[in-house]
Amino acid sequence: MVGLVYALENYHQGKTIVTATQLQPVAEAISTIHGLYADIEQDEAGRAIWRIRVRVNAPELGLNAQDVEAQLRGGEIAIYARKYQLHQGVLSLDPRTVAEGEMALIVARLREIAEHAAD
């Protein structure tokens, strides 16, 4: 929860989250969600592009990565994740495609998906 508050404060101050250090609190907030574990990954080509990699523990969550990605995309506000590793239980969030304040919405949506998975 502290990570989410930190991310929200950064957005309210007009800061763009683009570095690994700046993404860390968001990854930590996602990792507090039951069945999800997040860390930071660098672009595959070695460029200074950082993403949040979300690993879905399907037995723990009750949903697999494909289900989580589909629910993100199919929500009232469509959230698109990188799907290259879905078959391995991993999706990635690219902050370059996220407007100010939207990362907190993504964390909130992931939390909502996890809470409803328990139903």
PDB file of N, CA and C in Angstrom:
ATOM      1  N   MET A   1       0.823  -1.183   0.000  1.00  0.00           N
ATOM      2  CA  MET A   1       0.000   0.000   0.000  1.00  0.00           C
ATOM      3  C   MET A   1       0.870   1.251   0.000  1.00  0.00           C
ATOM      4  N   VAL A   2       1.999   1.193   0.698  1.00  0.00           N
ATOM      5  CA  VAL A   2       2.916   2.331   0.726  1.00  0.00           C
ATOM      6  C   VAL A   2       3.400   2.642  -0.681  1.00  0.00           C
ATOM      7  N   GLY A   3       3.686   1.601  -1.466  1.00  0.00           N
ATOM      8  CA  GLY A   3       4.135   1.806  -2.837  1.00  0.00           C
ATOM      9  C   GLY A   3       3.088   2.493  -3.681  1.00  0.00           C
ATOM     10  N   LEU A   4       1.834   2.126  -3.481  1.00  0.00           N
ATOM     11  CA  LEU A   4       0.752   2.760  -4.226  1.00  0.00           C
ATOM     12  C   LEU A   4       0.642   4.230  -3.861  1.00  0.00           C
ATOM     13  N   VAL A   5       0.736   4.542  -2.579  1.00  0.00           N
ATOM     14  CA  VAL A   5       0.682   5.938  -2.139  1.00  0.00           C
ATOM     15  C   VAL A   5       1.842   6.721  -2.744  1.00  0.00           C
ATOM     16  N   TYR A   6       3.039   6.128  -2.740  1.00  0.00           N
ATOM     17  CA  TYR A   6       4.211   6.781  -3.324  1.00  0.00           C
ATOM     18  C   TYR A   6       3.983   7.058  -4.809  1.00  0.00           C
ATOM     19  N   ALA A   7       3.453   6.066  -5.516  1.00  0.00           N
ATOM     20  CA  ALA A   7       3.193   6.240  -6.948  1.00  0.00           C
ATOM     21  C   ALA A   7       2.165   7.336  -7.184  1.00  0.00           C
ATOM     22  N   LEU A   8       1.123   7.361  -6.363  1.00  0.00           N
ATOM     23  CA  LEU A   8       0.105   8.407  -6.504  1.00  0.00           C
ATOM     24  C   LEU A   8       0.688   9.791  -6.246  1.00  0.00           C
ATOM     25  N   GLU A   9       1.532   9.908  -5.232  1.00  0.00           N
ATOM     26  CA  GLU A   9       2.169  11.198  -4.943  1.00  0.00           C
ATOM     27  C   GLU A   9       3.022  11.656  -6.118  1.00  0.00           C
ATOM     28  N   ASN A  10       3.759  10.750  -6.719  1.00  0.00           N
ATOM     29  CA  ASN A  10       4.575  11.109  -7.876  1.00  0.00           C
ATOM     30  C   ASN A  10       3.710  11.612  -9.021  1.00  0.00           C
ATOM     31  N   TYR A  11       2.593  10.964  -9.247  1.00  0.00           N
ATOM     32  CA  TYR A  11       1.722  11.396 -10.333  1.00  0.00           C
ATOM     33  C   TYR A  11       1.124  12.765 -10.048  1.00  0.00           C
ATOM     34  N   HIS A  12       0.725  13.003  -8.816  1.00  0.00           N
ATOM     35  CA  HIS A  12       0.150  14.299  -8.476  1.00  0.00           C
ATOM     36  C   HIS A  12       1.171  15.420  -8.583  1.00  0.00           C
ATOM     37  N   GLN A  13       2.439  15.099  -8.463  1.00  0.00           N
ATOM     38  CA  GLN A  13       3.492  16.096  -8.603  1.00  0.00           C
ATOM     39  C   GLN A  13       3.914  16.259 -10.061  1.00  0.00           C
ATOM     40  N   GLY A  14       3.262  15.550 -10.968  1.00  0.00           N
ATOM     41  CA  GLY A  14       3.553  15.690 -12.386  1.00  0.00           C
ATOM     42  C   GLY A  14       4.785  14.952 -12.858  1.00  0.00           C
ATOM     43  N   LYS A  15       5.278  14.021 -12.081  1.00  0.00           N
ATOM     44  CA  LYS A  15       6.460  13.266 -12.477  1.00  0.00           C
ATOM     45  C   LYS A  15       6.048  12.090 -13.357  1.00  0.00           C
ATOM     46  N   THR A  16       6.839  11.803 -14.356  1.00  0.00           N
ATOM     47  CA  THR A  16       6.604  10.660 -15.211  1.00  0.00           C
ATOM     48  C   THR A  16       7.455   9.497 -14.718  1.00  0.00           C
ATOM     49  N   ILE A  17       6.835   8.355 -14.542  1.00  0.00           N
ATOM     50  CA  ILE A  17       7.569   7.185 -14.075  1.00  0.00           C
ATOM     51  C   ILE A  17       8.178   6.495 -15.286  1.00  0.00           C
ATOM     52  N   VAL A  18       9.503   6.527 -15.369  1.00  0.00           N
ATOM     53  CA  VAL A  18      10.177   5.900 -16.501  1.00  0.00           C
ATOM     54  C   VAL A  18      11.416   5.115 -16.094  1.00  0.00           C
ATOM     55  N   THR A  19      11.976   5.350 -14.934  1.00  0.00           N
ATOM     56  CA  THR A  19      13.189   4.641 -14.531  1.00  0.00           C
ATOM     57  C   THR A  19      12.834   3.450 -13.644  1.00  0.00           C
ATOM     58  N   ALA A  20      13.782   2.529 -13.540  1.00  0.00           N
ATOM     59  CA  ALA A  20      13.569   1.354 -12.694  1.00  0.00           C
ATOM     60  C   ALA A  20      13.310   1.765 -11.249  1.00  0.00           C
ATOM     61  N   THR A  21      14.049   2.738 -10.771  1.00  0.00           N
ATOM     62  CA  THR A  21      13.882   3.209  -9.395  1.00  0.00           C
ATOM     63  C   THR A  21      12.491   3.790  -9.187  1.00  0.00           C
ATOM     64  N   GLN A  22      12.010   4.520 -10.154  1.00  0.00           N
ATOM     65  CA  GLN A  22      10.686   5.122 -10.034  1.00  0.00           C
ATOM     66  C   GLN A  22       9.572   4.090 -10.170  1.00  0.00           C
ATOM     67  N   LEU A  23       9.812   3.029 -10.907  1.00  0.00           N
ATOM     68  CA  LEU A  23       8.805   1.978 -11.069  1.00  0.00           C
ATOM     69  C   LEU A  23       8.737   1.028  -9.875  1.00  0.00           C
ATOM     70  N   GLN A  24       9.787   0.969  -9.085  1.00  0.00           N
ATOM     71  CA  GLN A  24       9.864   0.010  -7.982  1.00  0.00           C
ATOM     72  C   GLN A  24       8.672   0.088  -7.017  1.00  0.00           C
ATOM     73  N   PRO A  25       8.243   1.279  -6.583  1.00  0.00           N
ATOM     74  CA  PRO A  25       7.089   1.320  -5.675  1.00  0.00           C
ATOM     75  C   PRO A  25       5.811   0.750  -6.295  1.00  0.00           C
ATOM     76  N   VAL A  26       5.644   0.918  -7.586  1.00  0.00           N
ATOM     77  CA  VAL A  26       4.469   0.362  -8.253  1.00  0.00           C
ATOM     78  C   VAL A  26       4.573  -1.164  -8.274  1.00  0.00           C
ATOM     79  N   ALA A  27       5.755  -1.674  -8.577  1.00  0.00           N
ATOM     80  CA  ALA A  27       5.966  -3.128  -8.556  1.00  0.00           C
ATOM     81  C   ALA A  27       5.713  -3.684  -7.155  1.00  0.00           C
ATOM     82  N   GLU A  28       6.165  -2.963  -6.149  1.00  0.00           N
ATOM     83  CA  GLU A  28       5.942  -3.402  -4.769  1.00  0.00           C
ATOM     84  C   GLU A  28       4.457  -3.401  -4.430  1.00  0.00           C
ATOM     85  N   ALA A  29       3.727  -2.401  -4.914  1.00  0.00           N
ATOM     86  CA  ALA A  29       2.283  -2.347  -4.667  1.00  0.00           C
ATOM     87  C   ALA A  29       1.586  -3.535  -5.325  1.00  0.00           C
ATOM     88  N   ILE A  30       1.986  -3.871  -6.537  1.00  0.00           N
ATOM     89  CA  ILE A  30       1.400  -5.026  -7.227  1.00  0.00           C
ATOM     90  C   ILE A  30       1.734  -6.314  -6.478  1.00  0.00           C
ATOM     91  N   SER A  31       2.939  -6.404  -5.955  1.00  0.00           N
ATOM     92  CA  SER A  31       3.364  -7.615  -5.238  1.00  0.00           C
ATOM     93  C   SER A  31       2.608  -7.830  -3.935  1.00  0.00           C
ATOM     94  N   THR A  32       1.935  -6.810  -3.426  1.00  0.00           N
ATOM     95  CA  THR A  32       1.118  -6.988  -2.227  1.00  0.00           C
ATOM     96  C   THR A  32      -0.219  -7.649  -2.547  1.00  0.00           C
ATOM     97  N   ILE A  33      -0.534  -7.779  -3.824  1.00  0.00           N
ATOM     98  CA  ILE A  33      -1.795  -8.383  -4.247  1.00  0.00           C
ATOM     99  C   ILE A  33      -1.631  -9.905  -4.251  1.00  0.00           C
ATOM    100  N   HIS A  34      -2.545 -10.580  -3.595  1.00  0.00           N
ATOM    101  CA  HIS A  34      -2.502 -12.043  -3.469  1.00  0.00           C
ATOM    102  C   HIS A  34      -2.419 -12.701  -4.846  1.00  0.00           C
ATOM    103  N   GLY A  35      -1.377 -13.513  -5.066  1.00  0.00           N
ATOM    104  CA  GLY A  35      -1.229 -14.258  -6.306  1.00  0.00           C
ATOM    105  C   GLY A  35      -0.456 -13.550  -7.403  1.00  0.00           C
ATOM    106  N   LEU A  36      -0.044 -12.308  -7.153  1.00  0.00           N
ATOM    107  CA  LEU A  36       0.724 -11.554  -8.145  1.00  0.00           C
ATOM    108  C   LEU A  36       2.074 -11.168  -7.564  1.00  0.00           C
ATOM    109  N   TYR A  37       3.097 -11.266  -8.369  1.00  0.00           N
ATOM    110  CA  TYR A  37       4.449 -10.899  -7.960  1.00  0.00           C
ATOM    111  C   TYR A  37       5.050 -10.054  -9.073  1.00  0.00           C
ATOM    112  N   ALA A  38       5.508  -8.867  -8.747  1.00  0.00           N
ATOM    113  CA  ALA A  38       6.013  -7.950  -9.769  1.00  0.00           C
ATOM    114  C   ALA A  38       7.460  -7.576  -9.502  1.00  0.00           C
ATOM    115  N   ASP A  39       8.186  -7.381 -10.582  1.00  0.00           N
ATOM    116  CA  ASP A  39       9.534  -6.841 -10.509  1.00  0.00           C
ATOM    117  C   ASP A  39       9.759  -5.972 -11.747  1.00  0.00           C
ATOM    118  N   ILE A  40      10.942  -5.420 -11.845  1.00  0.00           N
ATOM    119  CA  ILE A  40      11.262  -4.515 -12.940  1.00  0.00           C
ATOM    120  C   ILE A  40      12.134  -5.259 -13.940  1.00  0.00           C
ATOM    121  N   GLU A  41      11.826  -5.098 -15.218  1.00  0.00           N
ATOM    122  CA  GLU A  41      12.641  -5.697 -16.265  1.00  0.00           C
ATOM    123  C   GLU A  41      13.079  -4.626 -17.249  1.00  0.00           C
ATOM    124  N   GLN A  42      14.272  -4.799 -17.781  1.00  0.00           N
ATOM    125  CA  GLN A  42      14.765  -3.883 -18.803  1.00  0.00           C
ATOM    126  C   GLN A  42      14.348  -4.406 -20.173  1.00  0.00           C
ATOM    127  N   ASP A  43      14.204  -3.498 -21.113  1.00  0.00           N
ATOM    128  CA  ASP A  43      13.886  -3.841 -22.488  1.00  0.00           C
ATOM    129  C   ASP A  43      14.824  -4.940 -22.990  1.00  0.00           C
ATOM    130  N   GLU A  44      14.282  -5.871 -23.752  1.00  0.00           N
ATOM    131  CA  GLU A  44      15.043  -7.019 -24.239  1.00  0.00           C
ATOM    132  C   GLU A  44      16.254  -6.611 -25.074  1.00  0.00           C
ATOM    133  N   ALA A  45      16.177  -5.465 -25.737  1.00  0.00           N
ATOM    134  CA  ALA A  45      17.275  -4.997 -26.596  1.00  0.00           C
ATOM    135  C   ALA A  45      18.327  -4.224 -25.810  1.00  0.00           C
ATOM    136  N   GLY A  46      18.147  -4.114 -24.492  1.00  0.00           N
ATOM    137  CA  GLY A  46      19.124  -3.425 -23.657  1.00  0.00           C
ATOM    138  C   GLY A  46      18.970  -1.916 -23.626  1.00  0.00           C
ATOM    139  N   ARG A  47      17.909  -1.408 -24.240  1.00  0.00           N
ATOM    140  CA  ARG A  47      17.662   0.035 -24.207  1.00  0.00           C
ATOM    141  C   ARG A  47      17.264   0.454 -22.797  1.00  0.00           C
ATOM    142  N   ALA A  48      17.339   1.732 -22.516  1.00  0.00           N
ATOM    143  CA  ALA A  48      16.981   2.263 -21.192  1.00  0.00           C
ATOM    144  C   ALA A  48      15.466   2.390 -21.077  1.00  0.00           C
ATOM    145  N   ILE A  49      14.790   1.294 -21.309  1.00  0.00           N
ATOM    146  CA  ILE A  49      13.334   1.224 -21.205  1.00  0.00           C
ATOM    147  C   ILE A  49      13.034   0.168 -20.144  1.00  0.00           C
ATOM    148  N   TRP A  50      12.263   0.552 -19.154  1.00  0.00           N
ATOM    149  CA  TRP A  50      11.961  -0.333 -18.031  1.00  0.00           C
ATOM    150  C   TRP A  50      10.476  -0.638 -18.007  1.00  0.00           C
ATOM    151  N   ARG A  51      10.150  -1.860 -17.665  1.00  0.00           N
ATOM    152  CA  ARG A  51       8.756  -2.293 -17.573  1.00  0.00           C
ATOM    153  C   ARG A  51       8.544  -3.027 -16.256  1.00  0.00           C
ATOM    154  N   ILE A  52       7.291  -3.120 -15.882  1.00  0.00           N
ATOM    155  CA  ILE A  52       6.933  -3.916 -14.709  1.00  0.00           C
ATOM    156  C   ILE A  52       6.496  -5.290 -15.210  1.00  0.00           C
ATOM    157  N   ARG A  53       7.202  -6.315 -14.760  1.00  0.00           N
ATOM    158  CA  ARG A  53       6.872  -7.697 -15.114  1.00  0.00           C
ATOM    159  C   ARG A  53       6.008  -8.259 -13.986  1.00  0.00           C
ATOM    160  N   VAL A  54       4.827  -8.737 -14.340  1.00  0.00           N
ATOM    161  CA  VAL A  54       3.892  -9.284 -13.357  1.00  0.00           C
ATOM    162  C   VAL A  54       3.788 -10.790 -13.576  1.00  0.00           C
ATOM    163  N   ARG A  55       4.186 -11.545 -12.553  1.00  0.00           N
ATOM    164  CA  ARG A  55       4.080 -13.006 -12.594  1.00  0.00           C
ATOM    165  C   ARG A  55       2.789 -13.398 -11.879  1.00  0.00           C
ATOM    166  N   VAL A  56       2.013 -14.218 -12.544  1.00  0.00           N
ATOM    167  CA  VAL A  56       0.735 -14.664 -11.994  1.00  0.00           C
ATOM    168  C   VAL A  56       0.910 -16.082 -11.455  1.00  0.00           C
ATOM    169  N   ASN A  57       0.651 -16.250 -10.164  1.00  0.00           N
ATOM    170  CA  ASN A  57       0.669 -17.576  -9.551  1.00  0.00           C
ATOM    171  C   ASN A  57      -0.758 -18.119  -9.662  1.00  0.00           C
ATOM    172  N   ALA A  58      -1.016 -18.863 -10.734  1.00  0.00           N
ATOM    173  CA  ALA A  58      -2.371 -19.317 -11.036  1.00  0.00           C
ATOM    174  C   ALA A  58      -3.010 -20.134  -9.911  1.00  0.00           C
ATOM    175  N   PRO A  59      -2.303 -21.101  -9.314  1.00  0.00           N
ATOM    176  CA  PRO A  59      -2.939 -21.858  -8.227  1.00  0.00           C
ATOM    177  C   PRO A  59      -3.313 -20.969  -7.035  1.00  0.00           C
ATOM    178  N   GLU A  60      -2.476 -19.986  -6.748  1.00  0.00           N
ATOM    179  CA  GLU A  60      -2.735 -19.100  -5.614  1.00  0.00           C
ATOM    180  C   GLU A  60      -3.857 -18.108  -5.926  1.00  0.00           C
ATOM    181  N   LEU A  61      -3.835 -17.551  -7.138  1.00  0.00           N
ATOM    182  CA  LEU A  61      -4.810 -16.527  -7.518  1.00  0.00           C
ATOM    183  C   LEU A  61      -6.148 -17.127  -7.928  1.00  0.00           C
ATOM    184  N   GLY A  62      -6.103 -18.296  -8.552  1.00  0.00           N
ATOM    185  CA  GLY A  62      -7.334 -18.880  -9.077  1.00  0.00           C
ATOM    186  C   GLY A  62      -7.603 -18.449 -10.507  1.00  0.00           C
ATOM    187  N   LEU A  63      -6.684 -17.720 -11.105  1.00  0.00           N
ATOM    188  CA  LEU A  63      -6.738 -17.289 -12.504  1.00  0.00           C
ATOM    189  C   LEU A  63      -5.342 -17.442 -13.084  1.00  0.00           C
ATOM    190  N   ASN A  64      -5.260 -17.691 -14.390  1.00  0.00           N
ATOM    191  CA  ASN A  64      -3.942 -17.720 -15.008  1.00  0.00           C
ATOM    192  C   ASN A  64      -3.645 -16.356 -15.643  1.00  0.00           C
ATOM    193  N   ALA A  65      -2.455 -16.208 -16.188  1.00  0.00           N
ATOM    194  CA  ALA A  65      -2.040 -14.921 -16.758  1.00  0.00           C
ATOM    195  C   ALA A  65      -2.939 -14.503 -17.918  1.00  0.00           C
ATOM    196  N   GLN A  66      -3.389 -15.469 -18.714  1.00  0.00           N
ATOM    197  CA  GLN A  66      -4.285 -15.145 -19.825  1.00  0.00           C
ATOM    198  C   GLN A  66      -5.599 -14.568 -19.309  1.00  0.00           C
ATOM    199  N   ASP A  67      -6.115 -15.140 -18.222  1.00  0.00           N
ATOM    200  CA  ASP A  67      -7.354 -14.639 -17.625  1.00  0.00           C
ATOM    201  C   ASP A  67      -7.176 -13.214 -17.107  1.00  0.00           C
ATOM    202  N   VAL A  68      -6.063 -12.970 -16.419  1.00  0.00           N
ATOM    203  CA  VAL A  68      -5.799 -11.640 -15.862  1.00  0.00           C
ATOM    204  C   VAL A  68      -5.679 -10.624 -16.989  1.00  0.00           C
ATOM    205  N   GLU A  69      -4.926 -10.957 -18.031  1.00  0.00           N
ATOM    206  CA  GLU A  69      -4.750 -10.041 -19.159  1.00  0.00           C
ATOM    207  C   GLU A  69      -6.082  -9.761 -19.840  1.00  0.00           C
ATOM    208  N   ALA A  70      -6.899 -10.786 -20.026  1.00  0.00           N
ATOM    209  CA  ALA A  70      -8.205 -10.608 -20.663  1.00  0.00           C
ATOM    210  C   ALA A  70      -9.107  -9.708 -19.829  1.00  0.00           C
ATOM    211  N   GLN A  71      -9.061  -9.859 -18.507  1.00  0.00           N
ATOM    212  CA  GLN A  71      -9.877  -9.005 -17.647  1.00  0.00           C
ATOM    213  C   GLN A  71      -9.369  -7.567 -17.638  1.00  0.00           C
ATOM    214  N   LEU A  72      -8.054  -7.378 -17.708  1.00  0.00           N
ATOM    215  CA  LEU A  72      -7.513  -6.018 -17.817  1.00  0.00           C
ATOM    216  C   LEU A  72      -8.015  -5.364 -19.103  1.00  0.00           C
ATOM    217  N   ARG A  73      -7.912  -6.086 -20.191  1.00  0.00           N
ATOM    218  CA  ARG A  73      -8.292  -5.565 -21.505  1.00  0.00           C
ATOM    219  C   ARG A  73      -9.800  -5.383 -21.625  1.00  0.00           C
ATOM    220  N   GLY A  74     -10.567  -6.237 -20.955  1.00  0.00           N
ATOM    221  CA  GLY A  74     -12.015  -6.213 -21.092  1.00  0.00           C
ATOM    222  C   GLY A  74     -12.752  -5.373 -20.070  1.00  0.00           C
ATOM    223  N   GLY A  75     -12.043  -4.633 -19.242  1.00  0.00           N
ATOM    224  CA  GLY A  75     -12.689  -3.814 -18.225  1.00  0.00           C
ATOM    225  C   GLY A  75     -13.334  -2.563 -18.792  1.00  0.00           C
ATOM    226  N   GLU A  76     -13.990  -1.814 -17.926  1.00  0.00           N
ATOM    227  CA  GLU A  76     -14.636  -0.563 -18.341  1.00  0.00           C
ATOM    228  C   GLU A  76     -13.626   0.365 -19.016  1.00  0.00           C
ATOM    229  N   ILE A  77     -12.437   0.415 -18.463  1.00  0.00           N
ATOM    230  CA  ILE A  77     -11.312   1.102 -19.095  1.00  0.00           C
ATOM    231  C   ILE A  77     -10.356   0.000 -19.533  1.00  0.00           C
ATOM    232  N   ALA A  78     -10.147  -0.145 -20.829  1.00  0.00           N
ATOM    233  CA  ALA A  78      -9.276  -1.206 -21.340  1.00  0.00           C
ATOM    234  C   ALA A  78      -7.825  -0.917 -20.974  1.00  0.00           C
ATOM    235  N   ILE A  79      -7.170  -1.903 -20.387  1.00  0.00           N
ATOM    236  CA  ILE A  79      -5.755  -1.808 -20.016  1.00  0.00           C
ATOM    237  C   ILE A  79      -5.022  -2.873 -20.823  1.00  0.00           C
ATOM    238  N   TYR A  80      -4.069  -2.428 -21.610  1.00  0.00           N
ATOM    239  CA  TYR A  80      -3.327  -3.342 -22.474  1.00  0.00           C
ATOM    240  C   TYR A  80      -1.950  -3.627 -21.890  1.00  0.00           C
ATOM    241  N   ALA A  81      -1.642  -4.892 -21.776  1.00  0.00           N
ATOM    242  CA  ALA A  81      -0.343  -5.334 -21.268  1.00  0.00           C
ATOM    243  C   ALA A  81       0.410  -6.027 -22.399  1.00  0.00           C
ATOM    244  N   ARG A  82       1.716  -6.093 -22.250  1.00  0.00           N
ATOM    245  CA  ARG A  82       2.529  -6.859 -23.203  1.00  0.00           C
ATOM    246  C   ARG A  82       2.279  -8.339 -22.923  1.00  0.00           C
ATOM    247  N   LYS A  83       2.012  -9.102 -23.979  1.00  0.00           N
ATOM    248  CA  LYS A  83       1.566 -10.486 -23.821  1.00  0.00           C
ATOM    249  C   LYS A  83       2.587 -11.521 -24.269  1.00  0.00           C
ATOM    250  N   TYR A  84       3.811 -11.126 -24.515  1.00  0.00           N
ATOM    251  CA  TYR A  84       4.804 -12.030 -25.088  1.00  0.00           C
ATOM    252  C   TYR A  84       5.075 -13.265 -24.231  1.00  0.00           C
ATOM    253  N   GLN A  85       4.902 -13.169 -22.922  1.00  0.00           N
ATOM    254  CA  GLN A  85       5.216 -14.300 -22.038  1.00  0.00           C
ATOM    255  C   GLN A  85       3.987 -14.822 -21.289  1.00  0.00           C
ATOM    256  N   LEU A  86       2.808 -14.552 -21.809  1.00  0.00           N
ATOM    257  CA  LEU A  86       1.593 -15.015 -21.134  1.00  0.00           C
ATOM    258  C   LEU A  86       1.605 -16.526 -20.924  1.00  0.00           C
ATOM    259  N   HIS A  87       2.096 -17.268 -21.894  1.00  0.00           N
ATOM    260  CA  HIS A  87       2.124 -18.730 -21.781  1.00  0.00           C
ATOM    261  C   HIS A  87       3.023 -19.201 -20.641  1.00  0.00           C
ATOM    262  N   GLN A  88       3.885 -18.296 -20.143  1.00  0.00           N
ATOM    263  CA  GLN A  88       4.748 -18.608 -19.004  1.00  0.00           C
ATOM    264  C   GLN A  88       4.211 -17.993 -17.711  1.00  0.00           C
ATOM    265  N   GLY A  89       3.001 -17.436 -17.769  1.00  0.00           N
ATOM    266  CA  GLY A  89       2.398 -16.850 -16.582  1.00  0.00           C
ATOM    267  C   GLY A  89       2.855 -15.438 -16.284  1.00  0.00           C
ATOM    268  N   VAL A  90       3.348 -14.731 -17.315  1.00  0.00           N
ATOM    269  CA  VAL A  90       3.916 -13.397 -17.120  1.00  0.00           C
ATOM    270  C   VAL A  90       3.296 -12.411 -18.101  1.00  0.00           C
ATOM    271  N   LEU A  91       2.950 -11.230 -17.586  1.00  0.00           N
ATOM    272  CA  LEU A  91       2.564 -10.110 -18.445  1.00  0.00           C
ATOM    273  C   LEU A  91       3.385  -8.903 -18.021  1.00  0.00           C
ATOM    274  N   SER A  92       3.561  -7.954 -18.936  1.00  0.00           N
ATOM    275  CA  SER A  92       4.389  -6.786 -18.633  1.00  0.00           C
ATOM    276  C   SER A  92       3.604  -5.506 -18.852  1.00  0.00           C
ATOM    277  N   LEU A  93       3.867  -4.533 -18.000  1.00  0.00           N
ATOM    278  CA  LEU A  93       3.242  -3.217 -18.090  1.00  0.00           C
ATOM    279  C   LEU A  93       4.302  -2.217 -18.530  1.00  0.00           C
ATOM    280  N   ASP A  94       4.014  -1.489 -19.585  1.00  0.00           N
ATOM    281  CA  ASP A  94       4.959  -0.539 -20.160  1.00  0.00           C
ATOM    282  C   ASP A  94       4.545   0.874 -19.765  1.00  0.00           C
ATOM    283  N   PRO A  95       5.333   1.554 -18.929  1.00  0.00           N
ATOM    284  CA  PRO A  95       4.951   2.889 -18.463  1.00  0.00           C
ATOM    285  C   PRO A  95       4.977   3.946 -19.562  1.00  0.00           C
ATOM    286  N   ARG A  96       5.613   3.660 -20.680  1.00  0.00           N
ATOM    287  CA  ARG A  96       5.665   4.643 -21.764  1.00  0.00           C
ATOM    288  C   ARG A  96       4.303   4.848 -22.395  1.00  0.00           C
ATOM    289  N   THR A  97       3.409   3.892 -22.221  1.00  0.00           N
ATOM    290  CA  THR A  97       2.080   3.995 -22.819  1.00  0.00           C
ATOM    291  C   THR A  97       1.028   4.435 -21.803  1.00  0.00           C
ATOM    292  N   VAL A  98       1.478   4.865 -20.641  1.00  0.00           N
ATOM    293  CA  VAL A  98       0.571   5.202 -19.544  1.00  0.00           C
ATOM    294  C   VAL A  98       0.623   6.702 -19.276  1.00  0.00           C
ATOM    295  N   ALA A  99      -0.548   7.321 -19.250  1.00  0.00           N
ATOM    296  CA  ALA A  99      -0.633   8.750 -18.947  1.00  0.00           C
ATOM    297  C   ALA A  99      -0.538   8.969 -17.442  1.00  0.00           C
ATOM    298  N   GLU A 100      -0.331  10.203 -17.072  1.00  0.00           N
ATOM    299  CA  GLU A 100      -0.201  10.567 -15.663  1.00  0.00           C
ATOM    300  C   GLU A 100      -1.398  10.060 -14.853  1.00  0.00           C
ATOM    301  N   GLY A 101      -1.120   9.378 -13.765  1.00  0.00           N
ATOM    302  CA  GLY A 101      -2.159   8.880 -12.869  1.00  0.00           C
ATOM    303  C   GLY A 101      -2.698   7.505 -13.216  1.00  0.00           C
ATOM    304  N   GLU A 102      -2.397   7.005 -14.400  1.00  0.00           N
ATOM    305  CA  GLU A 102      -2.991   5.742 -14.822  1.00  0.00           C
ATOM    306  C   GLU A 102      -2.345   4.507 -14.194  1.00  0.00           C
ATOM    307  N   MET A 103      -1.100   4.600 -13.780  1.00  0.00           N
ATOM    308  CA  MET A 103      -0.453   3.435 -13.161  1.00  0.00           C
ATOM    309  C   MET A 103      -1.190   3.042 -11.877  1.00  0.00           C
ATOM    310  N   ALA A 104      -1.646   4.029 -11.127  1.00  0.00           N
ATOM    311  CA  ALA A 104      -2.419   3.734  -9.913  1.00  0.00           C
ATOM    312  C   ALA A 104      -3.740   3.052 -10.264  1.00  0.00           C
ATOM    313  N   LEU A 105      -4.335   3.431 -11.385  1.00  0.00           N
ATOM    314  CA  LEU A 105      -5.570   2.782 -11.832  1.00  0.00           C
ATOM    315  C   LEU A 105      -5.311   1.323 -12.209  1.00  0.00           C
ATOM    316  N   ILE A 106      -4.163   1.072 -12.808  1.00  0.00           N
ATOM    317  CA  ILE A 106      -3.805  -0.298 -13.181  1.00  0.00           C
ATOM    318  C   ILE A 106      -3.626  -1.160 -11.935  1.00  0.00           C
ATOM    319  N   VAL A 107      -2.945  -0.623 -10.937  1.00  0.00           N
ATOM    320  CA  VAL A 107      -2.762  -1.357  -9.677  1.00  0.00           C
ATOM    321  C   VAL A 107      -4.129  -1.638  -9.047  1.00  0.00           C
ATOM    322  N   ALA A 108      -4.995  -0.641  -9.035  1.00  0.00           N
ATOM    323  CA  ALA A 108      -6.333  -0.815  -8.461  1.00  0.00           C
ATOM    324  C   ALA A 108      -7.122  -1.871  -9.228  1.00  0.00           C
ATOM    325  N   ARG A 109      -7.001  -1.884 -10.542  1.00  0.00           N
ATOM    326  CA  ARG A 109      -7.715  -2.877 -11.354  1.00  0.00           C
ATOM    327  C   ARG A 109      -7.176  -4.285 -11.096  1.00  0.00           C
ATOM    328  N   LEU A 110      -5.865  -4.415 -10.983  1.00  0.00           N
ATOM    329  CA  LEU A 110      -5.283  -5.722 -10.656  1.00  0.00           C
ATOM    330  C   LEU A 110      -5.775  -6.211  -9.296  1.00  0.00           C
ATOM    331  N   ARG A 111      -5.861  -5.293  -8.339  1.00  0.00           N
ATOM    332  CA  ARG A 111      -6.356  -5.651  -7.007  1.00  0.00           C
ATOM    333  C   ARG A 111      -7.819  -6.125  -7.097  1.00  0.00           C
ATOM    334  N   GLU A 112      -8.615  -5.424  -7.888  1.00  0.00           N
ATOM    335  CA  GLU A 112     -10.021  -5.790  -8.068  1.00  0.00           C
ATOM    336  C   GLU A 112     -10.151  -7.174  -8.719  1.00  0.00           C
ATOM    337  N   ILE A 113      -9.347  -7.436  -9.732  1.00  0.00           N
ATOM    338  CA  ILE A 113      -9.365  -8.745 -10.394  1.00  0.00           C
ATOM    339  C   ILE A 113      -9.020  -9.847  -9.395  1.00  0.00           C
ATOM    340  N   ALA A 114      -7.990  -9.626  -8.592  1.00  0.00           N
ATOM    341  CA  ALA A 114      -7.569 -10.626  -7.603  1.00  0.00           C
ATOM    342  C   ALA A 114      -8.648 -10.855  -6.549  1.00  0.00           C
ATOM    343  N   GLU A 115      -9.282  -9.783  -6.104  1.00  0.00           N
ATOM    344  CA  GLU A 115     -10.333  -9.921  -5.089  1.00  0.00           C
ATOM    345  C   GLU A 115     -11.520 -10.705  -5.638  1.00  0.00           C
ATOM    346  N   HIS A 116     -11.892 -10.461  -6.891  1.00  0.00           N
ATOM    347  CA  HIS A 116     -13.029 -11.169  -7.481  1.00  0.00           C
ATOM    348  C   HIS A 116     -12.681 -12.604  -7.857  1.00  0.00           C
ATOM    349  N   ALA A 117     -11.400 -12.891  -8.033  1.00  0.00           N
ATOM    350  CA  ALA A 117     -10.979 -14.262  -8.345  1.00  0.00           C
ATOM    351  C   ALA A 117     -11.280 -15.185  -7.180  1.00  0.00           C
ATOM    352  N   ALA A 118     -11.293 -14.634  -5.977  1.00  0.00           N
ATOM    353  CA  ALA A 118     -11.560 -15.429  -4.774  1.00  0.00           C
ATOM    354  C   ALA A 118     -13.038 -15.772  -4.636  1.00  0.00           C
ATOM    355  N   ASP A 119     -13.893 -15.090  -5.393  1.00  0.00           N
ATOM    356  CA  ASP A 119     -15.346 -15.331  -5.302  1.00  0.00           C
ATOM    357  C   ASP A 119     -15.737 -16.677  -5.869  1.00  0.00           C
TER     358      ASP A 119
END
